[in-house]
Amino acid sequence: MKTYVLSFDLNEDYDQSEIFETLNSLGELKQALSYTWFLRSDQTAKEIRDQLAKRMAPDERVVVMRSSSPAAWRNLMCDNKWVLENLSNK
């Protein structure tokens, strides 16, 4: 599995529950910041983006990036141990 960093610009006027249901179906999901998530998945970045795009409003944005080392962070919302174990190219 690969770890991806996903960042969103979501429109609060739309129901976003389908976006997060889709995210959860794609692999192991951890919230890093308000609109930034880590996702462990066997899918490619393009496949992840395409799945999410089906659930997003036309004016919403997402970027999907494969994680790599080195990385640095402060006060993430998810467990620091999980990030240390999963946010590197293994």
C-alpha atoms as a PDB file:
ATOM      1  CA  MET A   1       0.000   0.000   0.000  1.00  0.00           C
ATOM      2  CA  LYS A   2       1.037   3.576  -0.645  1.00  0.00           C
ATOM      3  CA  THR A   3       0.322   6.602   1.508  1.00  0.00           C
ATOM      4  CA  TYR A   4      -1.178   9.695  -0.080  1.00  0.00           C
ATOM      5  CA  VAL A   5      -1.745  13.229   1.164  1.00  0.00           C
ATOM      6  CA  LEU A   6      -5.093  14.662   0.071  1.00  0.00           C
ATOM      7  CA  SER A   7      -6.037  18.298   0.449  1.00  0.00           C
ATOM      8  CA  PHE A   8      -9.470  19.727  -0.307  1.00  0.00           C
ATOM      9  CA  ASP A   9     -11.218  23.026  -0.958  1.00  0.00           C
ATOM     10  CA  LEU A  10     -14.837  22.098  -0.305  1.00  0.00           C
ATOM     11  CA  ASN A  11     -17.931  24.226  -0.707  1.00  0.00           C
ATOM     12  CA  GLU A  12     -19.866  24.258   2.552  1.00  0.00           C
ATOM     13  CA  ASP A  13     -23.140  24.699   0.636  1.00  0.00           C
ATOM     14  CA  TYR A  14     -22.983  21.074  -0.595  1.00  0.00           C
ATOM     15  CA  ASP A  15     -23.460  17.811   1.295  1.00  0.00           C
ATOM     16  CA  GLN A  16     -19.966  16.334   1.642  1.00  0.00           C
ATOM     17  CA  SER A  17     -20.945  13.018   3.213  1.00  0.00           C
ATOM     18  CA  GLU A  18     -20.536  11.115  -0.089  1.00  0.00           C
ATOM     19  CA  ILE A  19     -16.988  12.438  -0.472  1.00  0.00           C
ATOM     20  CA  PHE A  20     -16.005  11.064   2.923  1.00  0.00           C
ATOM     21  CA  GLU A  21     -17.852   7.786   2.395  1.00  0.00           C
ATOM     22  CA  THR A  22     -15.823   7.376  -0.811  1.00  0.00           C
ATOM     23  CA  LEU A  23     -12.590   8.268   1.002  1.00  0.00           C
ATOM     24  CA  ASN A  24     -13.261   5.642   3.653  1.00  0.00           C
ATOM     25  CA  SER A  25     -13.914   3.027   0.966  1.00  0.00           C
ATOM     26  CA  LEU A  26     -10.521   3.663  -0.697  1.00  0.00           C
ATOM     27  CA  GLY A  27      -8.314   2.497   2.190  1.00  0.00           C
ATOM     28  CA  GLU A  28      -7.102   3.460   5.650  1.00  0.00           C
ATOM     29  CA  LEU A  29      -7.930   7.114   6.262  1.00  0.00           C
ATOM     30  CA  LYS A  30      -6.512   9.516   8.875  1.00  0.00           C
ATOM     31  CA  GLN A  31      -7.399  13.182   9.201  1.00  0.00           C
ATOM     32  CA  ALA A  32      -4.311  15.389   9.416  1.00  0.00           C
ATOM     33  CA  LEU A  33      -5.817  18.902   9.340  1.00  0.00           C
ATOM     34  CA  SER A  34      -9.292  20.356   8.768  1.00  0.00           C
ATOM     35  CA  TYR A  35      -9.290  19.604   5.030  1.00  0.00           C
ATOM     36  CA  THR A  36      -6.147  17.475   4.727  1.00  0.00           C
ATOM     37  CA  TRP A  37      -6.122  13.693   5.008  1.00  0.00           C
ATOM     38  CA  PHE A  38      -3.670  10.800   4.809  1.00  0.00           C
ATOM     39  CA  LEU A  39      -4.865   7.767   2.879  1.00  0.00           C
ATOM     40  CA  ARG A  40      -3.224   4.322   2.677  1.00  0.00           C
ATOM     41  CA  SER A  41      -4.442   2.712  -0.536  1.00  0.00           C
ATOM     42  CA  ASP A  42      -3.508   0.295  -3.298  1.00  0.00           C
ATOM     43  CA  GLN A  43      -4.975   2.681  -5.878  1.00  0.00           C
ATOM     44  CA  THR A  44      -3.040   5.290  -7.855  1.00  0.00           C
ATOM     45  CA  ALA A  45      -3.341   9.026  -7.227  1.00  0.00           C
ATOM     46  CA  LYS A  46      -5.303   9.395 -10.470  1.00  0.00           C
ATOM     47  CA  GLU A  47      -7.720   6.603  -9.504  1.00  0.00           C
ATOM     48  CA  ILE A  48      -8.283   8.211  -6.103  1.00  0.00           C
ATOM     49  CA  ARG A  49      -8.850  11.627  -7.661  1.00  0.00           C
ATOM     50  CA  ASP A  50     -11.288  10.219 -10.204  1.00  0.00           C
ATOM     51  CA  GLN A  51     -13.318   8.396  -7.538  1.00  0.00           C
ATOM     52  CA  LEU A  52     -13.565  11.555  -5.440  1.00  0.00           C
ATOM     53  CA  ALA A  53     -14.372  13.786  -8.425  1.00  0.00           C
ATOM     54  CA  LYS A  54     -17.563  11.792  -9.014  1.00  0.00           C
ATOM     55  CA  ARG A  55     -18.805  12.948  -5.595  1.00  0.00           C
ATOM     56  CA  MET A  56     -17.601  16.560  -5.654  1.00  0.00           C
ATOM     57  CA  ALA A  57     -19.428  19.721  -6.663  1.00  0.00           C
ATOM     58  CA  PRO A  58     -18.113  21.438  -9.822  1.00  0.00           C
ATOM     59  CA  ASP A  59     -16.410  24.235  -7.847  1.00  0.00           C
ATOM     60  CA  GLU A  60     -14.709  21.955  -5.293  1.00  0.00           C
ATOM     61  CA  ARG A  61     -11.000  21.062  -5.510  1.00  0.00           C
ATOM     62  CA  VAL A  62      -8.770  18.202  -4.445  1.00  0.00           C
ATOM     63  CA  VAL A  63      -5.078  17.387  -4.782  1.00  0.00           C
ATOM     64  CA  VAL A  64      -3.812  13.830  -4.265  1.00  0.00           C
ATOM     65  CA  MET A  65      -0.045  13.411  -3.721  1.00  0.00           C
ATOM     66  CA  ARG A  66       1.983  10.340  -2.870  1.00  0.00           C
ATOM     67  CA  SER A  67       3.871  10.886   0.365  1.00  0.00           C
ATOM     68  CA  SER A  68       7.622  10.728   0.604  1.00  0.00           C
ATOM     69  CA  SER A  69      10.402  11.455   3.061  1.00  0.00           C
ATOM     70  CA  PRO A  70      11.531  13.727   4.533  1.00  0.00           C
ATOM     71  CA  ALA A  71       8.429  15.209   6.093  1.00  0.00           C
ATOM     72  CA  ALA A  72       7.800  17.473   9.056  1.00  0.00           C
ATOM     73  CA  TRP A  73       4.627  18.404  10.904  1.00  0.00           C
ATOM     74  CA  ARG A  74       3.246  19.920  14.073  1.00  0.00           C
ATOM     75  CA  ASN A  75       0.035  19.209  15.976  1.00  0.00           C
ATOM     76  CA  LEU A  76      -1.707  16.928  13.513  1.00  0.00           C
ATOM     77  CA  MET A  77      -5.205  15.720  14.288  1.00  0.00           C
ATOM     78  CA  CYS A  78      -4.261  12.051  13.864  1.00  0.00           C
ATOM     79  CA  ASP A  79      -1.952   9.832  15.877  1.00  0.00           C
ATOM     80  CA  ASN A  80       1.725  10.790  15.527  1.00  0.00           C
ATOM     81  CA  LYS A  81       2.835   7.137  15.659  1.00  0.00           C
ATOM     82  CA  TRP A  82       0.652   6.293  12.636  1.00  0.00           C
ATOM     83  CA  VAL A  83       2.170   9.209  10.697  1.00  0.00           C
ATOM     84  CA  LEU A  84       5.722   8.125  11.524  1.00  0.00           C
ATOM     85  CA  GLU A  85       4.978   4.564  10.402  1.00  0.00           C
ATOM     86  CA  ASN A  86       3.094   5.466   7.201  1.00  0.00           C
ATOM     87  CA  LEU A  87       4.281   8.784   5.793  1.00  0.00           C
ATOM     88  CA  SER A  88       7.475   7.513   4.213  1.00  0.00           C
ATOM     89  CA  ASN A  89       8.307   5.618   1.035  1.00  0.00           C
ATOM     90  CA  LYS A  90       8.540   2.027   2.154  1.00  0.00           C
END
